[in-house]
Each structure stands twice: as structure tokens, then as C-alpha cells.
N, C-alpha and C. Protein backbone atom coordinates (compact mmCIF):
# COMPACT_ATOMS: atom_id res chain seq x y z
N MET A 1 47.38 51.66 -28.28
CA MET A 1 46.74 51.61 -29.59
C MET A 1 47.18 52.82 -30.42
N ASN A 2 47.39 52.58 -31.67
CA ASN A 2 47.84 53.63 -32.59
C ASN A 2 46.68 54.57 -32.92
N LYS A 3 46.84 55.87 -32.63
CA LYS A 3 45.76 56.82 -32.87
C LYS A 3 45.82 57.41 -34.28
N ASP A 4 46.95 57.33 -34.95
CA ASP A 4 47.06 57.84 -36.31
C ASP A 4 46.63 56.73 -37.27
N HIS A 5 45.45 56.87 -37.83
CA HIS A 5 44.88 55.83 -38.70
C HIS A 5 45.62 55.68 -40.02
N ARG A 6 46.53 56.61 -40.31
CA ARG A 6 47.31 56.49 -41.54
C ARG A 6 48.51 55.58 -41.37
N LYS A 7 48.72 55.08 -40.15
CA LYS A 7 49.84 54.17 -39.89
C LYS A 7 49.29 52.85 -39.39
N ASN A 8 50.02 51.78 -39.69
CA ASN A 8 49.59 50.46 -39.22
C ASN A 8 50.05 50.25 -37.77
N ALA A 9 49.80 49.06 -37.20
CA ALA A 9 50.11 48.77 -35.80
C ALA A 9 51.60 48.93 -35.49
N GLU A 10 52.46 48.69 -36.48
CA GLU A 10 53.90 48.82 -36.27
C GLU A 10 54.37 50.27 -36.42
N GLY A 11 53.49 51.17 -36.83
CA GLY A 11 53.85 52.56 -36.98
C GLY A 11 54.25 52.98 -38.38
N TYR A 12 54.19 52.07 -39.35
CA TYR A 12 54.54 52.40 -40.73
C TYR A 12 53.33 53.03 -41.43
N GLN A 13 53.63 53.87 -42.42
CA GLN A 13 52.56 54.50 -43.18
C GLN A 13 51.68 53.45 -43.84
N ASP A 14 50.36 53.58 -43.71
CA ASP A 14 49.41 52.65 -44.31
C ASP A 14 48.18 53.43 -44.78
N PRO A 15 48.31 54.16 -45.88
CA PRO A 15 47.19 54.99 -46.33
C PRO A 15 45.96 54.17 -46.71
N THR A 16 46.11 52.90 -47.04
CA THR A 16 44.96 52.07 -47.40
C THR A 16 44.01 51.94 -46.22
N ALA A 17 44.52 51.67 -45.06
CA ALA A 17 43.68 51.55 -43.86
C ALA A 17 42.99 52.87 -43.54
N TYR A 18 43.72 53.96 -43.68
CA TYR A 18 43.15 55.28 -43.43
C TYR A 18 41.99 55.56 -44.38
N GLU A 19 42.19 55.26 -45.65
CA GLU A 19 41.13 55.47 -46.63
C GLU A 19 39.93 54.59 -46.33
N ALA A 20 40.16 53.37 -45.90
CA ALA A 20 39.05 52.46 -45.58
C ALA A 20 38.22 53.01 -44.42
N ILE A 21 38.87 53.50 -43.39
CA ILE A 21 38.15 54.04 -42.23
C ILE A 21 37.36 55.28 -42.63
N LYS A 22 37.95 56.11 -43.50
CA LYS A 22 37.30 57.33 -43.94
C LYS A 22 35.96 57.06 -44.61
N HIS A 23 35.82 55.92 -45.28
CA HIS A 23 34.63 55.63 -46.06
C HIS A 23 33.63 54.72 -45.35
N VAL A 24 33.90 54.37 -44.10
CA VAL A 24 32.96 53.54 -43.34
C VAL A 24 31.76 54.42 -43.00
N LYS A 25 30.58 53.92 -43.30
CA LYS A 25 29.36 54.68 -43.04
C LYS A 25 28.90 54.45 -41.61
N ASP A 26 28.43 55.51 -41.01
CA ASP A 26 27.94 55.45 -39.64
C ASP A 26 26.54 54.83 -39.65
N PRO A 27 26.37 53.65 -39.03
CA PRO A 27 25.05 52.99 -39.07
C PRO A 27 23.95 53.82 -38.41
N ARG A 28 24.29 54.63 -37.42
CA ARG A 28 23.27 55.49 -36.79
C ARG A 28 22.74 56.52 -37.77
N ARG A 29 23.66 57.10 -38.56
CA ARG A 29 23.23 58.08 -39.55
C ARG A 29 22.42 57.42 -40.66
N GLN A 30 22.80 56.21 -41.04
CA GLN A 30 22.05 55.48 -42.06
C GLN A 30 20.63 55.19 -41.56
N LEU A 31 20.52 54.75 -40.32
CA LEU A 31 19.21 54.45 -39.73
C LEU A 31 18.37 55.72 -39.64
N GLN A 32 18.98 56.83 -39.21
CA GLN A 32 18.25 58.10 -39.11
C GLN A 32 17.78 58.55 -40.49
N GLY A 33 18.62 58.35 -41.50
CA GLY A 33 18.23 58.71 -42.87
C GLY A 33 17.04 57.90 -43.35
N LYS A 34 17.04 56.60 -43.07
CA LYS A 34 15.91 55.74 -43.47
C LYS A 34 14.64 56.14 -42.72
N ARG A 35 14.78 56.45 -41.43
CA ARG A 35 13.62 56.86 -40.64
C ARG A 35 13.05 58.18 -41.18
N SER A 36 13.93 59.12 -41.49
CA SER A 36 13.48 60.41 -42.02
C SER A 36 12.74 60.23 -43.33
N LYS A 37 13.22 59.34 -44.18
CA LYS A 37 12.56 59.06 -45.46
C LYS A 37 11.16 58.50 -45.24
N ILE A 38 11.02 57.55 -44.32
CA ILE A 38 9.72 56.94 -44.03
C ILE A 38 8.75 57.98 -43.48
N VAL A 39 9.22 58.78 -42.53
CA VAL A 39 8.38 59.83 -41.93
C VAL A 39 7.97 60.84 -43.00
N GLY A 40 8.92 61.26 -43.82
CA GLY A 40 8.63 62.22 -44.88
C GLY A 40 7.61 61.68 -45.87
N ASP A 41 7.76 60.42 -46.24
CA ASP A 41 6.80 59.81 -47.18
C ASP A 41 5.40 59.74 -46.57
N TYR A 42 5.31 59.37 -45.30
CA TYR A 42 4.01 59.28 -44.63
C TYR A 42 3.35 60.66 -44.56
N PHE A 43 4.12 61.67 -44.16
CA PHE A 43 3.63 63.04 -44.08
C PHE A 43 3.14 63.50 -45.45
N GLU A 44 3.92 63.24 -46.49
CA GLU A 44 3.52 63.62 -47.84
C GLU A 44 2.25 62.88 -48.27
N ASN A 45 2.10 61.62 -47.90
CA ASN A 45 0.89 60.86 -48.24
C ASN A 45 -0.34 61.46 -47.57
N LEU A 46 -0.20 61.94 -46.32
CA LEU A 46 -1.33 62.59 -45.65
C LEU A 46 -1.75 63.86 -46.39
N ILE A 47 -0.79 64.61 -46.87
CA ILE A 47 -1.09 65.83 -47.62
C ILE A 47 -1.69 65.49 -48.98
N THR A 48 -1.11 64.51 -49.65
CA THR A 48 -1.63 64.10 -50.96
C THR A 48 -3.07 63.61 -50.84
N SER A 49 -3.36 62.86 -49.80
CA SER A 49 -4.75 62.39 -49.58
C SER A 49 -5.69 63.57 -49.41
N ALA A 50 -5.25 64.59 -48.70
CA ALA A 50 -6.08 65.79 -48.54
C ALA A 50 -6.30 66.48 -49.88
N CYS A 51 -5.24 66.57 -50.67
CA CYS A 51 -5.35 67.21 -51.99
C CYS A 51 -6.35 66.45 -52.88
N VAL A 52 -6.31 65.14 -52.84
CA VAL A 52 -7.25 64.31 -53.62
C VAL A 52 -8.67 64.54 -53.11
N TYR A 53 -8.84 64.54 -51.79
CA TYR A 53 -10.16 64.77 -51.18
C TYR A 53 -10.73 66.12 -51.62
N TYR A 54 -9.93 67.18 -51.49
CA TYR A 54 -10.41 68.51 -51.85
C TYR A 54 -10.70 68.61 -53.35
N HIS A 55 -9.91 67.93 -54.16
CA HIS A 55 -10.15 67.91 -55.61
C HIS A 55 -11.47 67.20 -55.91
N ASP A 56 -11.68 66.02 -55.32
CA ASP A 56 -12.90 65.24 -55.57
C ASP A 56 -14.15 65.97 -55.11
N LYS A 57 -14.04 66.81 -54.08
CA LYS A 57 -15.18 67.57 -53.57
C LYS A 57 -15.36 68.90 -54.32
N GLY A 58 -14.46 69.20 -55.27
CA GLY A 58 -14.55 70.45 -56.03
C GLY A 58 -14.16 71.67 -55.22
N ILE A 59 -13.38 71.47 -54.17
CA ILE A 59 -12.99 72.57 -53.28
C ILE A 59 -11.68 73.22 -53.73
N ALA A 60 -10.75 72.42 -54.23
CA ALA A 60 -9.44 72.94 -54.63
C ALA A 60 -8.75 71.95 -55.56
N HIS A 61 -7.82 72.48 -56.31
CA HIS A 61 -6.93 71.64 -57.12
C HIS A 61 -5.51 72.01 -56.70
N ILE A 62 -4.86 71.12 -55.92
CA ILE A 62 -3.52 71.37 -55.38
C ILE A 62 -2.63 70.21 -55.80
N GLU A 63 -1.44 70.56 -56.31
CA GLU A 63 -0.51 69.53 -56.76
C GLU A 63 0.86 69.72 -56.12
N LYS A 64 1.56 68.62 -55.96
CA LYS A 64 2.94 68.65 -55.48
C LYS A 64 3.80 69.24 -56.60
N THR A 65 4.68 70.16 -56.23
CA THR A 65 5.57 70.77 -57.21
C THR A 65 6.73 69.82 -57.49
N PRO A 66 6.91 69.43 -58.75
CA PRO A 66 8.03 68.52 -59.05
C PRO A 66 9.37 69.24 -58.88
N GLU A 67 10.36 68.47 -58.43
CA GLU A 67 11.70 69.03 -58.27
C GLU A 67 12.30 69.26 -59.66
N PRO A 68 12.92 70.42 -59.91
CA PRO A 68 13.55 70.66 -61.21
C PRO A 68 14.77 69.75 -61.38
N MET A 69 14.70 68.86 -62.35
CA MET A 69 15.72 67.83 -62.52
C MET A 69 16.19 67.78 -63.97
N LYS A 70 17.45 67.48 -64.14
CA LYS A 70 18.03 67.38 -65.48
C LYS A 70 18.53 65.95 -65.67
N VAL A 71 18.11 65.32 -66.77
CA VAL A 71 18.57 63.97 -67.09
C VAL A 71 19.98 64.07 -67.66
N LEU A 72 20.91 63.32 -67.06
CA LEU A 72 22.29 63.33 -67.53
C LEU A 72 22.54 62.25 -68.58
N SER A 73 22.00 61.05 -68.31
CA SER A 73 22.15 59.97 -69.30
C SER A 73 21.19 58.83 -68.98
N PRO A 74 20.68 58.18 -70.02
CA PRO A 74 19.83 57.01 -69.78
C PRO A 74 20.68 55.83 -69.31
N MET A 75 20.06 54.93 -68.56
CA MET A 75 20.76 53.73 -68.10
C MET A 75 20.63 52.67 -69.19
N PRO A 76 21.75 52.18 -69.71
CA PRO A 76 21.67 51.17 -70.77
C PRO A 76 20.96 49.91 -70.28
N ARG A 77 20.14 49.35 -71.15
CA ARG A 77 19.40 48.11 -70.90
C ARG A 77 18.46 48.20 -69.68
N GLN A 78 18.10 49.42 -69.28
CA GLN A 78 17.16 49.59 -68.18
C GLN A 78 16.16 50.68 -68.57
N PRO A 79 15.14 50.31 -69.35
CA PRO A 79 14.17 51.31 -69.83
C PRO A 79 13.51 52.06 -68.67
N GLY A 80 13.38 53.34 -68.85
CA GLY A 80 12.72 54.17 -67.85
C GLY A 80 13.62 54.61 -66.71
N LYS A 81 14.86 54.16 -66.68
CA LYS A 81 15.79 54.56 -65.63
C LYS A 81 16.86 55.46 -66.23
N PHE A 82 17.31 56.42 -65.44
CA PHE A 82 18.31 57.36 -65.93
C PHE A 82 19.10 57.93 -64.77
N ILE A 83 20.22 58.53 -65.09
CA ILE A 83 21.04 59.25 -64.12
C ILE A 83 20.67 60.72 -64.26
N SER A 84 20.42 61.38 -63.12
CA SER A 84 20.00 62.78 -63.17
C SER A 84 20.58 63.55 -62.01
N CYS A 85 20.38 64.86 -62.06
CA CYS A 85 20.78 65.73 -60.95
C CYS A 85 19.74 66.84 -60.83
N PHE A 86 19.66 67.43 -59.64
CA PHE A 86 18.76 68.56 -59.44
C PHE A 86 19.39 69.79 -60.07
N GLU A 87 18.57 70.57 -60.78
CA GLU A 87 19.08 71.75 -61.48
C GLU A 87 19.20 72.97 -60.59
N LYS A 88 18.27 73.13 -59.65
CA LYS A 88 18.31 74.30 -58.78
C LYS A 88 17.62 73.96 -57.46
N ALA A 89 17.69 74.88 -56.54
CA ALA A 89 17.10 74.65 -55.22
C ALA A 89 15.59 74.44 -55.33
N ALA A 90 15.05 73.74 -54.37
CA ALA A 90 13.63 73.38 -54.38
C ALA A 90 12.73 74.61 -54.27
N GLN A 91 11.57 74.51 -54.92
CA GLN A 91 10.52 75.52 -54.83
C GLN A 91 9.59 75.10 -53.69
N PRO A 92 8.57 75.93 -53.35
CA PRO A 92 7.60 75.48 -52.36
C PRO A 92 6.96 74.15 -52.80
N ASP A 93 6.64 73.30 -51.84
CA ASP A 93 6.20 71.93 -52.10
C ASP A 93 4.90 71.79 -52.88
N TYR A 94 3.90 72.62 -52.58
CA TYR A 94 2.57 72.45 -53.17
C TYR A 94 2.05 73.78 -53.70
N LYS A 95 1.34 73.70 -54.86
CA LYS A 95 0.72 74.87 -55.46
C LYS A 95 -0.63 74.47 -56.03
N GLY A 96 -1.55 75.42 -56.03
CA GLY A 96 -2.85 75.11 -56.60
C GLY A 96 -3.79 76.30 -56.57
N THR A 97 -5.08 75.97 -56.74
CA THR A 97 -6.13 76.99 -56.79
C THR A 97 -7.33 76.52 -55.99
N LEU A 98 -7.88 77.43 -55.19
CA LEU A 98 -9.10 77.15 -54.45
C LEU A 98 -10.31 77.48 -55.33
N LYS A 99 -11.43 76.85 -55.04
CA LYS A 99 -12.67 77.18 -55.75
C LYS A 99 -12.91 78.68 -55.59
N GLY A 100 -13.17 79.34 -56.67
CA GLY A 100 -13.34 80.79 -56.65
C GLY A 100 -12.13 81.51 -57.23
N GLY A 101 -11.03 80.79 -57.39
CA GLY A 101 -9.88 81.35 -58.09
C GLY A 101 -8.67 81.76 -57.28
N GLN A 102 -8.74 81.72 -55.95
CA GLN A 102 -7.56 82.13 -55.19
C GLN A 102 -6.46 81.08 -55.28
N ALA A 103 -5.24 81.56 -55.55
CA ALA A 103 -4.08 80.67 -55.60
C ALA A 103 -3.68 80.27 -54.18
N ILE A 104 -3.09 79.08 -54.07
CA ILE A 104 -2.62 78.58 -52.79
C ILE A 104 -1.24 77.97 -53.00
N VAL A 105 -0.34 78.23 -52.08
CA VAL A 105 1.01 77.68 -52.16
C VAL A 105 1.50 77.43 -50.73
N PHE A 106 2.12 76.27 -50.53
CA PHE A 106 2.64 76.00 -49.19
C PHE A 106 3.80 75.03 -49.22
N GLU A 107 4.54 75.07 -48.15
CA GLU A 107 5.68 74.20 -47.91
C GLU A 107 5.29 73.28 -46.76
N ALA A 108 5.83 72.07 -46.75
CA ALA A 108 5.55 71.11 -45.68
C ALA A 108 6.86 70.72 -45.00
N LYS A 109 6.87 70.80 -43.66
CA LYS A 109 8.06 70.45 -42.88
C LYS A 109 7.66 69.61 -41.68
N HIS A 110 8.51 68.65 -41.35
CA HIS A 110 8.28 67.78 -40.20
C HIS A 110 9.39 67.97 -39.18
N THR A 111 9.04 67.84 -37.91
CA THR A 111 10.03 67.85 -36.84
C THR A 111 9.58 66.92 -35.73
N ASP A 112 10.55 66.38 -35.02
CA ASP A 112 10.28 65.62 -33.80
C ASP A 112 10.73 66.42 -32.58
N ALA A 113 11.24 67.61 -32.83
CA ALA A 113 11.76 68.47 -31.76
C ALA A 113 10.62 69.30 -31.15
N ASP A 114 10.96 70.13 -30.18
CA ASP A 114 9.97 70.98 -29.53
C ASP A 114 9.91 72.36 -30.17
N ARG A 115 10.51 72.47 -31.37
CA ARG A 115 10.50 73.74 -32.10
C ARG A 115 10.69 73.48 -33.59
N ILE A 116 10.34 74.48 -34.40
CA ILE A 116 10.58 74.40 -35.84
C ILE A 116 11.34 75.66 -36.24
N GLU A 117 12.44 75.48 -36.95
CA GLU A 117 13.35 76.56 -37.30
C GLU A 117 12.99 77.19 -38.65
N ARG A 118 13.08 78.48 -38.73
CA ARG A 118 12.83 79.20 -39.99
C ARG A 118 13.79 78.74 -41.07
N GLY A 119 15.01 78.41 -40.69
CA GLY A 119 16.03 78.00 -41.63
C GLY A 119 15.78 76.66 -42.30
N ARG A 120 14.69 75.98 -41.96
CA ARG A 120 14.36 74.72 -42.61
C ARG A 120 13.93 74.93 -44.06
N LEU A 121 13.60 76.17 -44.42
CA LEU A 121 13.24 76.49 -45.80
C LEU A 121 14.46 77.08 -46.50
N THR A 122 14.65 76.69 -47.76
CA THR A 122 15.73 77.25 -48.54
C THR A 122 15.39 78.69 -48.91
N GLN A 123 16.38 79.44 -49.34
CA GLN A 123 16.13 80.82 -49.75
C GLN A 123 15.15 80.87 -50.91
N GLU A 124 15.25 79.92 -51.85
CA GLU A 124 14.32 79.90 -52.98
C GLU A 124 12.89 79.63 -52.51
N GLN A 125 12.72 78.76 -51.53
CA GLN A 125 11.38 78.49 -50.99
C GLN A 125 10.84 79.73 -50.28
N LEU A 126 11.68 80.39 -49.49
CA LEU A 126 11.27 81.62 -48.81
C LEU A 126 10.87 82.68 -49.83
N ASP A 127 11.70 82.85 -50.85
CA ASP A 127 11.40 83.85 -51.89
C ASP A 127 10.12 83.50 -52.64
N GLY A 128 9.95 82.22 -52.96
CA GLY A 128 8.76 81.78 -53.69
C GLY A 128 7.48 82.01 -52.90
N LEU A 129 7.48 81.62 -51.64
CA LEU A 129 6.30 81.83 -50.80
C LEU A 129 6.01 83.32 -50.65
N ASN A 130 7.05 84.11 -50.48
CA ASN A 130 6.86 85.54 -50.31
C ASN A 130 6.28 86.17 -51.58
N LYS A 131 6.79 85.79 -52.73
CA LYS A 131 6.30 86.36 -54.00
C LYS A 131 4.83 85.98 -54.23
N HIS A 132 4.50 84.72 -54.00
CA HIS A 132 3.09 84.30 -54.15
C HIS A 132 2.19 85.08 -53.18
N HIS A 133 2.65 85.24 -51.94
CA HIS A 133 1.88 85.98 -50.93
C HIS A 133 1.66 87.43 -51.38
N GLU A 134 2.73 88.07 -51.87
CA GLU A 134 2.63 89.46 -52.33
C GLU A 134 1.64 89.60 -53.48
N LEU A 135 1.49 88.54 -54.30
CA LEU A 135 0.57 88.58 -55.44
C LEU A 135 -0.85 88.17 -55.05
N GLY A 136 -1.08 87.89 -53.77
CA GLY A 136 -2.43 87.59 -53.29
C GLY A 136 -2.73 86.13 -53.05
N ALA A 137 -1.76 85.26 -53.21
CA ALA A 137 -2.00 83.83 -52.95
C ALA A 137 -2.07 83.58 -51.45
N LEU A 138 -2.80 82.55 -51.11
CA LEU A 138 -2.82 82.07 -49.73
C LEU A 138 -1.54 81.25 -49.55
N ALA A 139 -0.63 81.72 -48.70
CA ALA A 139 0.67 81.07 -48.53
C ALA A 139 0.87 80.71 -47.06
N PHE A 140 1.40 79.51 -46.83
CA PHE A 140 1.63 79.06 -45.46
C PHE A 140 2.63 77.91 -45.43
N VAL A 141 2.98 77.50 -44.22
CA VAL A 141 3.85 76.35 -44.01
C VAL A 141 3.07 75.36 -43.15
N ILE A 142 2.94 74.12 -43.64
CA ILE A 142 2.32 73.05 -42.86
C ILE A 142 3.43 72.38 -42.08
N VAL A 143 3.26 72.28 -40.77
CA VAL A 143 4.27 71.66 -39.91
C VAL A 143 3.68 70.44 -39.23
N SER A 144 4.40 69.34 -39.33
CA SER A 144 4.07 68.12 -38.60
C SER A 144 5.01 68.02 -37.42
N VAL A 145 4.46 67.78 -36.25
CA VAL A 145 5.28 67.54 -35.06
C VAL A 145 4.98 66.12 -34.60
N GLY A 146 5.98 65.26 -34.76
CA GLY A 146 5.84 63.87 -34.33
C GLY A 146 4.80 63.08 -35.09
N LEU A 147 4.37 63.57 -36.23
CA LEU A 147 3.32 62.94 -37.05
C LEU A 147 2.00 62.77 -36.32
N ASN A 148 1.80 63.53 -35.24
CA ASN A 148 0.50 63.45 -34.56
C ASN A 148 -0.10 64.82 -34.27
N LYS A 149 0.66 65.88 -34.50
CA LYS A 149 0.14 67.24 -34.38
C LYS A 149 0.53 67.98 -35.65
N PHE A 150 -0.44 68.74 -36.19
CA PHE A 150 -0.21 69.43 -37.46
C PHE A 150 -0.64 70.88 -37.33
N TYR A 151 0.13 71.76 -37.96
CA TYR A 151 -0.10 73.19 -37.85
C TYR A 151 0.00 73.85 -39.22
N ARG A 152 -0.86 74.85 -39.44
CA ARG A 152 -0.82 75.64 -40.66
C ARG A 152 -0.39 77.05 -40.25
N ILE A 153 0.88 77.35 -40.50
CA ILE A 153 1.44 78.63 -40.07
C ILE A 153 1.34 79.62 -41.23
N PRO A 154 0.58 80.70 -41.05
CA PRO A 154 0.45 81.69 -42.12
C PRO A 154 1.82 82.24 -42.53
N TRP A 155 1.98 82.52 -43.82
CA TRP A 155 3.26 82.99 -44.32
C TRP A 155 3.81 84.20 -43.56
N PRO A 156 3.00 85.24 -43.28
CA PRO A 156 3.57 86.39 -42.57
C PRO A 156 4.14 86.03 -41.19
N ILE A 157 3.56 85.04 -40.52
CA ILE A 157 4.08 84.61 -39.21
C ILE A 157 5.42 83.91 -39.40
N TRP A 158 5.50 82.99 -40.38
CA TRP A 158 6.76 82.28 -40.64
C TRP A 158 7.85 83.26 -41.07
N ARG A 159 7.49 84.12 -42.01
CA ARG A 159 8.45 85.08 -42.56
C ARG A 159 9.01 86.00 -41.49
N ASP A 160 8.14 86.46 -40.58
CA ASP A 160 8.52 87.47 -39.59
C ASP A 160 8.74 86.91 -38.19
N MET A 161 9.00 85.61 -38.08
CA MET A 161 9.09 85.01 -36.74
C MET A 161 10.19 85.66 -35.88
N LYS A 162 11.24 86.14 -36.48
CA LYS A 162 12.32 86.79 -35.71
C LYS A 162 11.77 88.03 -35.02
N ASN A 163 10.97 88.83 -35.73
CA ASN A 163 10.38 90.03 -35.13
C ASN A 163 9.27 89.69 -34.14
N ILE A 164 8.49 88.66 -34.43
CA ILE A 164 7.35 88.30 -33.59
C ILE A 164 7.78 87.60 -32.31
N TYR A 165 8.70 86.61 -32.44
CA TYR A 165 9.09 85.79 -31.29
C TYR A 165 10.48 86.13 -30.74
N GLY A 166 11.20 87.00 -31.45
CA GLY A 166 12.53 87.37 -31.00
C GLY A 166 13.60 86.34 -31.31
N ARG A 167 13.27 85.37 -32.15
CA ARG A 167 14.21 84.31 -32.53
C ARG A 167 13.76 83.70 -33.85
N LYS A 168 14.64 82.92 -34.47
CA LYS A 168 14.33 82.34 -35.78
C LYS A 168 13.79 80.92 -35.64
N TYR A 169 12.96 80.69 -34.66
CA TYR A 169 12.25 79.43 -34.51
C TYR A 169 10.98 79.68 -33.69
N ILE A 170 10.05 78.75 -33.84
CA ILE A 170 8.80 78.82 -33.07
C ILE A 170 8.73 77.55 -32.23
N LYS A 171 8.41 77.71 -30.96
CA LYS A 171 8.24 76.56 -30.07
C LYS A 171 6.87 75.93 -30.33
N VAL A 172 6.78 74.63 -30.13
CA VAL A 172 5.54 73.91 -30.39
C VAL A 172 4.38 74.49 -29.59
N ASP A 173 4.61 74.87 -28.33
CA ASP A 173 3.50 75.41 -27.53
C ASP A 173 3.00 76.75 -28.07
N GLU A 174 3.80 77.44 -28.87
CA GLU A 174 3.38 78.70 -29.48
C GLU A 174 2.59 78.48 -30.76
N LEU A 175 2.56 77.25 -31.25
CA LEU A 175 1.88 76.93 -32.50
C LEU A 175 0.40 76.58 -32.32
N GLU A 176 -0.05 76.42 -31.10
CA GLU A 176 -1.39 75.88 -30.85
C GLU A 176 -2.50 76.61 -31.61
N LYS A 177 -2.41 77.91 -31.76
CA LYS A 177 -3.48 78.64 -32.46
C LYS A 177 -3.51 78.34 -33.96
N TYR A 178 -2.47 77.68 -34.47
CA TYR A 178 -2.42 77.33 -35.89
C TYR A 178 -2.70 75.85 -36.12
N ARG A 179 -3.12 75.16 -35.08
CA ARG A 179 -3.32 73.71 -35.16
C ARG A 179 -4.48 73.37 -36.11
N ILE A 180 -4.27 72.32 -36.90
CA ILE A 180 -5.31 71.79 -37.77
C ILE A 180 -5.46 70.30 -37.47
N LEU A 181 -6.64 69.81 -37.70
CA LEU A 181 -6.94 68.41 -37.38
C LEU A 181 -6.47 67.48 -38.49
N ALA A 182 -6.33 66.24 -38.12
CA ALA A 182 -5.93 65.22 -39.09
C ALA A 182 -6.59 63.90 -38.69
N THR A 183 -6.79 63.07 -39.68
CA THR A 183 -7.24 61.70 -39.44
C THR A 183 -6.07 60.79 -39.79
N MET A 184 -6.27 59.51 -39.71
CA MET A 184 -5.22 58.57 -40.10
C MET A 184 -4.98 58.62 -41.61
N GLN A 185 -5.93 59.19 -42.36
CA GLN A 185 -5.83 59.21 -43.82
C GLN A 185 -5.38 60.55 -44.39
N MET A 186 -5.67 61.66 -43.70
CA MET A 186 -5.36 62.96 -44.29
C MET A 186 -5.27 64.06 -43.24
N ILE A 187 -4.59 65.13 -43.64
CA ILE A 187 -4.51 66.34 -42.84
C ILE A 187 -5.56 67.31 -43.38
N LYS A 188 -6.37 67.88 -42.53
CA LYS A 188 -7.41 68.81 -42.97
C LYS A 188 -6.80 70.19 -43.12
N LEU A 189 -5.95 70.31 -44.14
CA LEU A 189 -5.13 71.52 -44.29
C LEU A 189 -5.91 72.74 -44.72
N LEU A 190 -7.14 72.58 -45.22
CA LEU A 190 -7.93 73.73 -45.61
C LEU A 190 -9.05 74.05 -44.61
N SER A 191 -9.00 73.47 -43.42
CA SER A 191 -10.02 73.75 -42.40
C SER A 191 -10.08 75.25 -42.12
N GLY A 192 -11.30 75.79 -42.19
CA GLY A 192 -11.50 77.21 -41.93
C GLY A 192 -11.17 78.11 -43.11
N ILE A 193 -10.68 77.53 -44.20
CA ILE A 193 -10.33 78.32 -45.38
C ILE A 193 -11.35 78.10 -46.49
N ALA A 194 -11.61 76.82 -46.77
CA ALA A 194 -12.51 76.48 -47.88
C ALA A 194 -13.57 75.51 -47.41
């Protein structure tokens, strides 16, 4: 069998076949991408439900931070649709205020692994959480493990995990003291806080 994909079976140059192979999508990666989207949406819905609950009870007003986006052009004959791009790196996922006036800001991350890596946050997210924390906001990272265990990791622990644990990740068994409860409808992300 010919191993050079730029040549056909007879050995002649065939760049068309090479280009075709280059653009074939890996079905495993496509499936993983779809699964990640579904898991992410479910995790976000659990957090959103909590935000609505805390708002309705007068405990907090927390909103998802919209991604900074720039509209490039409207889609002709398709009202409300447009072509856009992200303008800059993402900010922390959620921001708000607790009853009494304290600001709250947090990032949400999911993993199916036995650890969560510090590098899952962008530099802008790290900087944003740190700045809010320095100004007195309650800052943390909510971590979902397998969509059945949830943890609220205080910002100083996430920020300094290299010094605390000697590595830039935290193992799931080390997260137990940060565990928060959840129901099928919401994550109790403010348990013990408000």
C-alpha cells in the first residue's frame, strides 16, 4: 500500500487525494465535541438554576458573563442571525452581588478525570478572579467531576495550588473539603456563604 498520500496507487503525484484526506474529520473527535457541549450545557443549567433560586429568595443576584463578541456582518434574508467573532479571551463565567453588598465572581469547569488542572483557566480569567479577590469579592472556581460531584474551590487555593500541592493540578480526593451539594435541578453553590 502506498504510504505517501500525495501519490495515487500507481505512484504518480495526486494532490487532490492528499487534500481530501487532510480534511476528513475524525468521528471520535466530533463525538467527543458533541458530548462536551451537552455536558457543559447541563452544568451551566445547574448553575443558572441556582442563580435563579438565590435571586428569587433575595439572597444574591448572579449573572453569566457574556462573551465579548464583535458582529462582522448580518446574514442576508435571515433576521437576527449574523457572522461574528470573539474579541478577546473569556472573563470569569459568573459575576454578581450577595445580599449585604459583597461582590461574587466565579469560574465553572467540568472534568471527567481524577484531577483538575490550573491551566484550564485562561490568563484573563486568572487575572480577573485575582483582581476581584484583591478588591474584596468572594472569588472561587466551581468544579464538576462527572456531573455528580461538585466543589467550590476558594480563589487563593486555586491560585496557589502549585505552592500548596506541589503541582499545577488538584486531585479529586483532595477536593473533598470543598464539596458542595447538588440536586437534579441545581448546585447549592452558596452553601455556607449566604
